Protein backbone atom coordinates (compact mmCIF):
# COMPACT_ATOMS: atom_id res chain seq x y z
CA MET A 1 -23.49 5.35 32.45
CA ASP A 2 -23.47 8.48 30.31
CA LEU A 3 -20.46 8.22 28.00
CA TRP A 4 -20.53 11.44 26.07
CA ASP A 5 -20.87 14.86 27.67
CA ASP A 6 -22.95 17.15 25.45
CA GLN A 7 -20.56 20.08 25.78
CA PRO A 8 -19.97 22.45 24.24
CA ALA A 9 -23.72 22.96 24.18
CA ALA A 10 -25.68 22.18 21.04
CA LEU A 11 -25.42 24.94 18.45
CA ASP A 12 -28.20 27.52 18.74
CA LEU A 13 -29.43 27.83 15.17
CA ASN A 14 -32.39 29.97 16.18
CA SER A 15 -30.11 32.84 17.15
CA ASP A 16 -27.48 32.34 14.44
CA ALA A 17 -28.36 30.10 11.51
CA ASP A 18 -25.00 30.70 9.80
CA LEU A 19 -22.96 29.60 12.83
CA PRO A 20 -22.23 26.02 11.61
CA ARG A 21 -20.83 27.33 8.32
CA ARG A 22 -18.63 29.88 10.08
CA VAL A 23 -17.29 27.28 12.52
CA ALA A 24 -16.57 24.86 9.64
CA ASP A 25 -14.81 27.56 7.61
CA HIS A 26 -12.79 28.59 10.66
CA LEU A 27 -11.64 25.00 11.34
CA CYS A 28 -10.73 24.39 7.71
CA ARG A 29 -8.70 27.62 7.53
CA GLU A 30 -6.84 26.82 10.73
CA LEU A 31 -5.98 23.31 9.55
CA GLU A 32 -5.51 23.89 5.82
CA GLY A 33 -2.77 21.68 4.42
CA LEU A 34 -2.74 19.40 7.46
CA PRO A 35 -4.19 15.85 7.49
CA PHE A 36 -7.27 16.78 9.53
CA LYS A 37 -10.21 16.19 7.23
CA ALA A 38 -10.58 13.47 4.63
CA ASP A 39 -11.77 14.40 1.13
CA SER A 40 -15.40 14.86 2.12
CA PRO A 41 -17.98 17.65 2.14
CA LEU A 42 -18.71 16.83 5.79
CA THR A 43 -16.74 18.89 8.34
CA PRO A 44 -16.95 17.91 12.02
CA ILE A 45 -17.62 21.18 13.87
CA ARG A 46 -17.44 20.19 17.53
CA PRO A 47 -15.02 18.22 19.67
CA VAL A 48 -16.23 15.10 21.44
CA VAL A 49 -16.37 15.33 25.22
CA LEU A 50 -16.03 12.18 27.32
CA SER A 51 -17.81 12.10 30.64
CA ALA A 52 -15.36 12.41 33.55
CA PRO A 53 -15.65 8.78 34.79
CA VAL A 54 -15.08 7.34 31.32
CA ARG A 55 -12.18 9.68 30.65
CA THR A 56 -10.56 8.65 33.94
CA ALA A 57 -11.03 4.97 33.09
CA LEU A 58 -9.56 5.47 29.61
CA SER A 59 -6.50 7.26 30.99
CA ALA A 60 -5.83 4.60 33.64
CA ALA A 61 -6.36 1.67 31.28
CA THR A 62 -4.15 3.18 28.56
CA ARG A 63 -1.24 3.73 30.95
CA TYR A 64 -1.63 0.18 32.30
CA LEU A 65 -1.61 -1.23 28.76
CA VAL A 66 1.57 0.64 27.81
CA ASP A 67 3.33 -0.63 30.94
CA LEU A 68 2.03 -4.18 30.39
CA VAL A 69 3.26 -4.41 26.79
CA ARG A 70 6.64 -2.97 27.74
CA ARG A 71 7.06 -5.35 30.69
CA VAL A 72 5.98 -8.44 28.79
CA CYS A 73 8.09 -7.82 25.69
CA TRP A 74 11.31 -7.05 27.54
CA SER A 75 10.76 -9.94 29.95
CA LEU A 76 11.00 -12.33 27.00
CA THR A 77 14.43 -11.14 25.87
CA ASP A 78 16.94 -8.36 26.42
CA ASP A 79 18.06 -8.58 22.78
CA PRO A 80 16.18 -6.13 20.48
CA ALA A 81 17.04 -8.21 17.42
CA ASP A 82 15.55 -11.30 19.06
CA LEU A 83 12.35 -9.43 19.92
CA ALA A 84 12.09 -8.16 16.34
CA ARG A 85 12.47 -11.75 15.08
CA ARG A 86 9.80 -13.02 17.48
CA THR A 87 7.34 -10.35 16.33
CA GLY A 88 7.90 -11.05 12.63
CA LEU A 89 9.53 -7.80 11.54
CA GLY A 90 11.54 -7.65 8.31
CA PRO A 91 14.93 -5.93 7.83
CA ASN A 92 13.50 -2.87 6.04
CA GLN A 93 11.09 -2.23 8.89
CA ILE A 94 13.87 -2.05 11.47
CA ALA A 95 16.75 -0.67 9.42
CA LEU A 96 17.93 1.46 12.38
CA LEU A 97 17.63 -1.26 15.03
CA GLY A 98 20.43 -1.01 17.57
CA ALA A 99 22.11 2.00 15.92
CA GLY A 100 22.25 3.76 19.28
CA GLY A 101 23.13 0.69 21.34
CA THR A 102 20.99 -1.81 23.23
CA GLU A 103 20.39 0.34 26.32
CA ARG A 104 18.95 3.23 24.30
CA GLU A 105 17.07 0.80 22.04
CA ILE A 106 15.14 -0.54 25.03
CA ARG A 107 14.90 2.76 26.92
CA PHE A 108 13.35 4.71 24.05
CA SER A 109 11.10 1.97 22.65
CA SER A 110 8.01 3.02 24.61
CA CYS A 111 8.30 6.77 25.17
CA ASN A 112 5.57 7.75 22.63
CA VAL A 113 2.50 5.53 22.41
CA ARG A 114 -0.89 5.88 20.75
CA SER A 115 -3.40 3.12 21.35
CA ASP A 116 -6.48 2.37 19.26
CA ALA A 117 -9.54 1.85 21.42
CA ILE A 118 -13.33 1.80 21.41
CA LEU A 119 -15.83 1.91 24.23
CA ARG A 120 -17.99 -1.12 24.92
CA ASN A 121 -20.56 -0.67 27.71
CA GLY A 122 -18.44 2.28 28.81
CA ILE A 123 -15.29 0.12 29.15
CA PRO A 124 -12.19 0.89 27.04
CA VAL A 125 -11.40 -2.00 24.70
CA PHE A 126 -8.02 -1.80 22.96
CA LEU A 127 -7.72 -3.00 19.38
CA GLU A 128 -3.97 -2.39 19.07
CA CYS A 129 -1.16 -0.26 20.46
CA ASN A 130 1.30 1.77 18.38
CA PHE A 131 4.69 2.61 19.87
CA GLY A 132 6.09 5.42 17.73
CA ALA A 133 6.09 9.15 17.08
CA ALA A 134 5.16 9.16 13.37
CA ASN A 135 1.50 10.13 13.73
CA GLY A 136 -0.39 13.35 13.28
CA PHE A 137 -2.19 13.77 16.59
CA PRO A 138 0.57 15.68 18.44
CA VAL A 139 0.64 18.20 15.57
CA LEU A 140 -3.13 18.48 15.18
CA ALA A 141 -4.06 18.57 18.87
CA PRO A 142 -2.89 22.11 19.68
CA ARG A 143 -4.39 23.52 16.49
CA LEU A 144 -7.73 21.81 17.06
CA LEU A 145 -7.77 22.92 20.70
CA ALA A 146 -6.99 26.50 19.66
CA ALA A 147 -9.67 26.47 16.97
CA TYR A 148 -12.33 25.10 19.31
CA ARG A 149 -11.25 27.55 22.02
CA GLN A 150 -11.81 30.41 19.58
CA ALA A 151 -15.15 29.00 18.40
CA TYR A 152 -16.62 27.97 21.75
CA GLY A 153 -14.37 29.26 24.53
CA LEU A 154 -13.67 25.61 25.29
CA GLN A 155 -10.92 24.83 27.80
CA PRO A 156 -9.38 21.33 28.20
CA ARG A 157 -9.79 19.58 31.54
CA PRO A 158 -6.67 17.49 32.17
CA ALA A 159 -6.66 15.56 35.44
CA PRO A 160 -3.78 16.00 37.90
CA GLY A 161 -0.62 14.47 36.46
CA GLU A 162 -1.96 14.63 32.90
CA VAL A 163 -1.64 17.17 30.10
CA SER A 164 -4.07 18.22 27.39
CA GLU A 165 -1.68 17.93 24.44
CA PRO A 166 1.41 15.86 23.58
CA PHE A 167 3.87 18.71 22.90
CA GLU A 168 3.82 19.60 26.59
CA SER A 169 4.69 16.09 27.76
CA ARG A 170 7.27 15.67 24.98
CA LEU A 171 8.93 18.89 26.18
CA ARG A 172 9.16 17.38 29.68
CA LEU A 173 10.65 14.19 28.23
CA TYR A 174 13.28 16.00 26.17
CA ARG A 175 14.22 18.24 29.10
CA ARG A 176 14.58 15.28 31.46
CA ILE A 177 16.74 13.35 28.99
CA CYS A 178 19.02 16.33 28.38
CA ASP A 179 19.34 17.17 32.08
CA GLU A 180 20.08 13.56 33.08
CA SER A 181 22.80 13.36 30.44
CA GLY A 182 24.21 16.86 30.98
CA LEU A 183 23.44 17.82 27.38
CA PRO A 184 22.26 21.11 25.84
CA HIS A 185 18.50 21.56 25.49
CA SER A 186 18.18 20.83 21.78
CA VAL A 187 15.90 18.64 19.70
CA VAL A 188 15.62 18.03 15.96
CA ILE A 189 12.42 16.89 14.22
CA ILE A 190 13.12 14.55 11.28
CA GLY A 191 10.53 14.04 8.56
CA THR A 192 10.06 14.50 4.85
CA MET A 193 7.80 16.57 2.65
CA ARG A 194 7.80 13.59 0.29
CA ASP A 195 5.01 12.12 2.44
CA SER A 196 1.97 12.01 0.19
CA ASP A 197 -0.50 13.19 2.84
CA VAL A 198 1.57 16.18 4.06
CA GLU A 199 0.93 19.38 2.07
CA ASP A 200 2.15 22.02 4.50
CA ILE A 201 5.59 22.23 6.12
CA ARG A 202 3.85 23.40 9.32
CA TYR A 203 3.06 19.73 9.92
CA PHE A 204 6.72 19.08 10.73
CA GLU A 205 7.76 22.54 11.91
CA ALA A 206 5.03 22.90 14.55
CA GLU A 207 6.92 21.04 17.26
CA ALA A 208 10.19 22.84 16.56
CA LEU A 209 8.38 26.17 16.95
CA TYR A 210 6.87 24.99 20.24
CA MET A 211 10.26 23.85 21.54
CA ARG A 212 11.95 27.13 20.60
CA ALA A 213 9.19 29.01 22.43
CA HIS A 214 10.12 27.00 25.55
CA GLY A 215 13.86 27.58 25.45
CA PHE A 216 15.07 24.70 23.26
CA ASP A 217 17.28 24.92 20.21
CA SER A 218 15.07 23.12 17.72
CA ASP A 219 14.62 22.68 13.97
CA PHE A 220 12.87 20.50 11.43
CA VAL A 221 15.19 18.77 8.95
CA GLU A 222 14.89 16.34 6.07
CA PRO A 223 16.82 13.04 6.35
CA LYS A 224 19.50 14.32 3.95
CA PHE A 225 20.65 16.71 6.72
CA PHE A 226 22.50 13.77 8.27
CA ASP A 227 24.28 12.74 5.06
CA SER A 228 27.01 15.34 5.61
CA PRO A 229 29.45 14.23 8.34
CA SER A 230 29.73 17.84 9.52
CA ARG A 231 25.93 18.44 9.48
CA GLY A 232 26.71 22.09 8.89
CA GLY A 233 28.26 22.32 12.32
CA ARG A 234 24.89 21.54 13.93
CA ARG A 235 24.44 18.93 16.67
CA TYR A 236 21.28 18.04 18.58
CA SER A 237 20.91 16.15 21.84
CA VAL A 238 17.57 14.51 20.94
CA ALA A 239 15.96 13.58 17.63
CA LEU A 240 12.28 12.81 17.04
CA LYS A 241 11.69 10.30 14.23
CA HIS A 242 8.62 11.61 12.43
CA PHE A 243 9.00 8.77 9.93
CA LEU A 244 9.04 5.00 9.61
CA PRO A 245 12.32 3.56 8.26
CA GLU A 246 10.46 1.37 5.78
CA GLY A 247 8.71 4.42 4.31
CA LEU A 248 11.94 6.31 3.71
CA LEU A 249 13.63 3.28 2.17
CA ALA A 250 10.66 2.84 -0.17
CA GLN A 251 11.20 6.44 -1.33
CA GLY A 252 14.86 5.74 -2.06
CA VAL A 253 16.13 7.72 0.95
CA SER A 254 19.39 6.51 2.48
CA LEU A 255 19.40 5.95 6.24
CA ASP A 256 23.19 5.69 6.56
CA GLY A 257 23.64 9.23 7.84
CA ILE A 258 20.83 8.87 10.37
CA ALA A 259 22.34 5.58 11.58
CA ARG A 260 25.72 7.31 12.14
CA ALA A 261 24.02 10.17 14.02
CA HIS A 262 22.83 7.73 16.70
CA THR A 263 26.33 7.85 18.19
CA ASP A 264 25.83 11.44 19.47
CA THR A 265 22.05 11.90 19.36
CA MET A 266 19.28 10.10 21.24
CA PHE A 267 16.52 9.07 18.83
CA MET A 268 12.85 8.86 19.81
CA VAL A 269 11.34 6.30 19.17
CA SER A 270 13.80 3.42 18.68
CA ASP A 271 12.97 0.80 16.06
CA SER A 272 12.06 -1.61 18.87
CA GLY A 273 8.87 0.40 19.18
CA LEU A 274 7.77 -1.49 16.06
CA SER A 275 8.33 -4.78 17.89
CA LEU A 276 6.15 -3.62 20.79
CA SER A 277 3.52 -2.48 18.26
CA SER A 278 3.15 -5.89 16.62
CA LYS A 279 -0.38 -7.28 16.73
CA LEU A 280 1.25 -10.56 17.73
CA VAL A 281 1.85 -9.06 21.19
CA PHE A 282 -1.92 -8.82 21.68
CA ALA A 283 -2.20 -12.47 20.63
CA TRP A 284 0.36 -13.41 23.30
CA LEU A 285 -1.57 -11.43 25.92
CA SER A 286 -4.98 -12.76 24.90
CA ALA A 287 -3.80 -16.38 24.80
CA GLU A 288 -1.95 -15.85 28.12
CA SER A 289 1.08 -17.48 26.55
CA VAL A 290 3.46 -15.04 28.27
CA PRO A 291 4.02 -14.55 32.01
CA LEU A 292 1.17 -12.50 33.50
CA SER A 293 0.23 -11.61 37.05
CA ASP A 294 -3.35 -12.06 38.26
CA ALA A 295 -3.87 -8.29 37.81
CA ASP A 296 -2.51 -8.52 34.26
CA ARG A 297 -4.87 -11.39 33.40
CA ASP A 298 -7.84 -9.49 34.76
CA PHE A 299 -6.84 -6.46 32.69
CA VAL A 300 -6.41 -8.47 29.48
CA ARG A 301 -9.76 -10.23 29.87
CA ARG A 302 -11.52 -6.91 30.47
CA HIS A 303 -9.78 -4.67 27.94
CA ILE A 304 -8.33 -6.75 25.06
CA PRO A 305 -10.45 -8.71 22.56
CA TRP A 306 -9.84 -12.39 21.91
CA THR A 307 -6.82 -12.39 19.54
CA ARG A 308 -4.77 -15.26 18.08
CA LEU A 309 -2.08 -15.76 15.47
CA ALA A 310 -3.91 -16.82 12.31
CA ALA A 311 -2.30 -20.24 11.93
CA PRO A 312 -3.48 -23.87 11.62
CA GLY A 313 -4.21 -25.56 14.93
CA GLU A 314 -6.68 -25.72 17.79
CA VAL A 315 -7.79 -22.68 19.78
CA GLY A 316 -10.22 -22.20 22.60
CA TYR A 317 -13.13 -19.88 21.89
CA GLU A 318 -16.27 -19.35 23.98
CA GLY A 319 -15.77 -22.49 26.03
CA ARG A 320 -14.92 -25.03 23.33
CA GLN A 321 -12.01 -26.07 21.11
CA TRP A 322 -11.96 -25.18 17.44
CA ASP A 323 -9.67 -25.50 14.46
CA LEU A 324 -8.80 -21.83 13.99
CA VAL A 325 -9.41 -21.73 10.24
CA GLU A 326 -12.74 -23.54 10.61
CA LEU A 327 -13.79 -21.19 13.42
CA ALA A 328 -12.92 -18.06 11.44
CA ASP A 329 -14.64 -19.38 8.31
CA ARG A 330 -17.85 -20.55 9.97
CA ARG A 331 -18.21 -17.47 12.18
CA ARG A 332 -16.77 -14.94 9.78
CA THR A 333 -18.89 -11.98 10.95
CA GLU A 334 -17.42 -12.20 14.46
CA PHE A 335 -13.81 -11.58 13.42
CA VAL A 336 -11.25 -9.25 11.84
CA LEU A 337 -8.04 -10.24 10.04
CA LYS A 338 -5.05 -7.94 10.66
CA PRO A 339 -1.47 -8.10 9.37
CA LEU A 340 1.05 -8.46 12.19
CA ASN A 341 3.12 -5.42 11.28
CA SER A 342 1.33 -2.96 9.04
CA CYS A 343 -0.04 0.52 9.67
CA GLY A 344 -2.66 2.84 8.20
CA GLY A 345 -5.30 0.09 8.16
CA GLN A 346 -3.51 -1.61 5.25
CA GLY A 347 -4.50 -5.24 4.80
CA VAL A 348 -7.20 -5.21 7.50
CA LEU A 349 -10.32 -7.21 6.57
CA ILE A 350 -13.51 -7.09 8.63
CA GLY A 351 -15.39 -10.35 8.31
CA SER A 352 -18.87 -8.83 8.26
CA ASP A 353 -17.82 -6.54 5.38
CA ALA A 354 -16.06 -9.25 3.38
CA ASP A 355 -17.35 -11.48 0.62
CA PRO A 356 -17.31 -15.05 2.01
CA GLY A 357 -15.09 -16.29 -0.81
CA GLU A 358 -12.59 -13.46 -0.33
CA TRP A 359 -12.60 -14.04 3.41
CA ARG A 360 -11.85 -17.75 3.01
CA SER A 361 -9.08 -17.08 0.51
CA ARG A 362 -7.43 -14.39 2.66
CA LEU A 363 -7.81 -16.56 5.75
CA GLU A 364 -6.13 -19.58 4.16
CA HIS A 365 -3.33 -17.40 2.78
CA ALA A 366 -2.79 -15.80 6.20
CA ALA A 367 -2.74 -19.17 7.95
CA LEU A 368 -0.16 -20.45 5.47
CA ARG A 369 2.13 -17.44 5.90
CA ARG A 370 1.47 -16.95 9.64
CA ASP A 371 1.66 -13.17 9.21
CA TYR A 372 -1.83 -12.15 10.42
CA VAL A 373 -3.79 -12.21 13.63
CA LEU A 374 -7.44 -13.12 13.93
CA GLN A 375 -9.19 -10.77 16.37
CA GLN A 376 -12.74 -10.83 17.67
CA TYR A 377 -14.79 -7.94 16.33
CA VAL A 378 -16.18 -5.80 19.15
CA GLU A 379 -19.24 -3.61 18.58
CA SER A 380 -18.63 -0.15 20.02
CA ASP A 381 -20.97 2.02 22.02
CA PRO A 382 -22.77 4.40 19.64
CA LEU A 383 -21.57 7.94 18.99
CA SER A 384 -23.19 10.73 16.99
CA MET A 385 -21.47 13.95 15.91
CA ASP A 386 -22.39 17.30 14.39
CA PHE A 387 -21.22 17.98 10.82
CA PHE A 388 -21.55 20.91 8.46
CA ASP A 389 -22.55 19.62 5.02
CA ALA A 390 -21.00 21.87 2.37
CA ARG A 391 -23.30 20.41 -0.30
CA THR A 392 -26.51 21.54 1.39
CA GLY A 393 -25.29 24.23 3.79
CA GLU A 394 -27.00 22.35 6.63
CA LEU A 395 -26.01 21.12 10.06
CA ARG A 396 -26.32 17.34 10.26
CA ARG A 397 -26.09 15.08 13.29
CA MET A 398 -24.88 11.65 12.19
CA ALA A 399 -23.84 8.36 13.70
CA VAL A 400 -20.14 7.63 13.18
CA ALA A 401 -17.83 4.65 13.24
CA TYR A 402 -14.97 5.72 15.47
CA VAL A 403 -11.65 4.81 17.06
CA LEU A 404 -10.24 6.62 20.08
CA GLY A 405 -6.51 7.34 20.11
CA PRO A 406 -5.36 7.93 23.71
CA TYR A 407 -1.76 9.15 23.71
CA VAL A 408 0.88 8.49 26.37
CA VAL A 409 4.30 10.17 26.45
CA ASP A 410 6.84 8.98 29.00
CA ASP A 411 3.97 7.46 31.04
CA ILE A 412 2.00 10.75 31.03
CA TYR A 413 -1.52 10.65 29.56
CA SER A 414 -1.34 13.39 26.93
CA GLY A 415 -4.73 13.76 25.28
CA CYS A 416 -6.84 11.66 22.95
CA SER A 417 -7.61 11.82 19.25
CA LEU A 418 -10.76 10.59 17.52
CA ARG A 419 -10.81 9.07 14.05
CA HIS A 420 -14.27 8.78 12.59
CA VAL A 421 -16.28 7.97 9.49
CA ALA A 422 -19.80 9.37 9.12
CA GLY A 423 -22.52 6.77 8.73
CA GLY A 424 -21.45 4.26 11.37
CA GLY A 425 -21.29 0.52 10.82
CA PRO A 426 -18.26 -1.79 10.84
CA ARG A 427 -15.37 -0.44 8.79
CA VAL A 428 -11.64 0.25 8.89
CA VAL A 429 -11.43 3.67 10.57
CA ASN A 430 -8.12 5.17 9.47
CA HIS A 431 -7.20 8.50 7.89
CA LEU A 432 -5.45 6.74 5.01
CA GLN A 433 -8.71 4.84 4.44
CA GLY A 434 -10.84 8.02 4.38
CA ALA A 435 -11.50 8.77 8.05
CA SER A 436 -11.41 12.30 9.50
CA PHE A 437 -9.68 13.49 12.67
CA ASN A 438 -11.20 15.14 15.69
CA ILE A 439 -10.24 15.46 19.35
CA ILE A 440 -11.51 14.20 22.68
CA VAL A 441 -11.66 16.74 25.51
């Protein structure tokens, strides 16, 4: 099966040798100050286009995964605090848990979801699933689409019932919530310019501008906005958390005002989204230690790598029983170690990249603390991309290591990001670890 559609067509350097530079300059101007490109002289100058059958399969599998994780987690307990305990979250990670009540906590735990996936033999394989709104793709998607539209005349091709960018589906979500509750159409975006990788206030203001253009009262505010009981006379029906509680607490920001605001504002995404995001959930699914239907088991075996809690004890792997630590040590190059509840690629160790001594030490430490999962490393289908190299002024086509980021809002497939590192090979592909962003169309 052909995975990648070669559109837009390859750049015609015979007719315009300076075209790659102009496209690269155009993209960089459009996205200046936003976390689009890592600190590298290589600028990706084309989007990546999935073939229609693969795109359809990715959309269907992503929506099934979101529903599966939601069903499984809330079948185990109807107490958000209990689910947080089961998934190993600490108090600082869920400082706002239950602030809006249990019903809202559960209802809004899975309304914004970005999965991490690769393709293996054309089949989507999910490495993890992140239930939260604090990621850059919804902000970057419309700007990247606009830039590529200007450069190539490219138009997205969403399937029926899907949208090409997350702001559109988030608008539908906010409108539905407000209408069902009889509330004014208003939404506030909460974030902070203290974030080290945000240089331009447009990063947070972009969604508020979009909402105002579609009839909503909308603003971006810093967390301190909620410290005043009067909030300047301003009230919003819906709030989007463009932050992680742990990150704000680490910066010395009080969450007391935001916690109080939950009484009259519906916050997306609730802290229980962090429970659903735990890598331990994939271990439950992979080990089939939670109730699953036959269809669920078939899905897990096809789309989720072998994953287990990194802890002493026997596990089954490839038809035989192993001591988990012995298995991971002897077959180091087949596995990845991941913290249960971290983000940004922090703490992830790929066995084939690791020194054997470091791997053994980290493995034993993880098994002692029981705060990591061991996941089978899956080799992805190859992908090459076009880059403009500012050092040489040349167009270069290079293999990349990549992770797809299909995005689902309120069960609507809402586009797909691409994180990539030029050069290929096994590595942690995350923007905070030096990867660049692009978009799948």
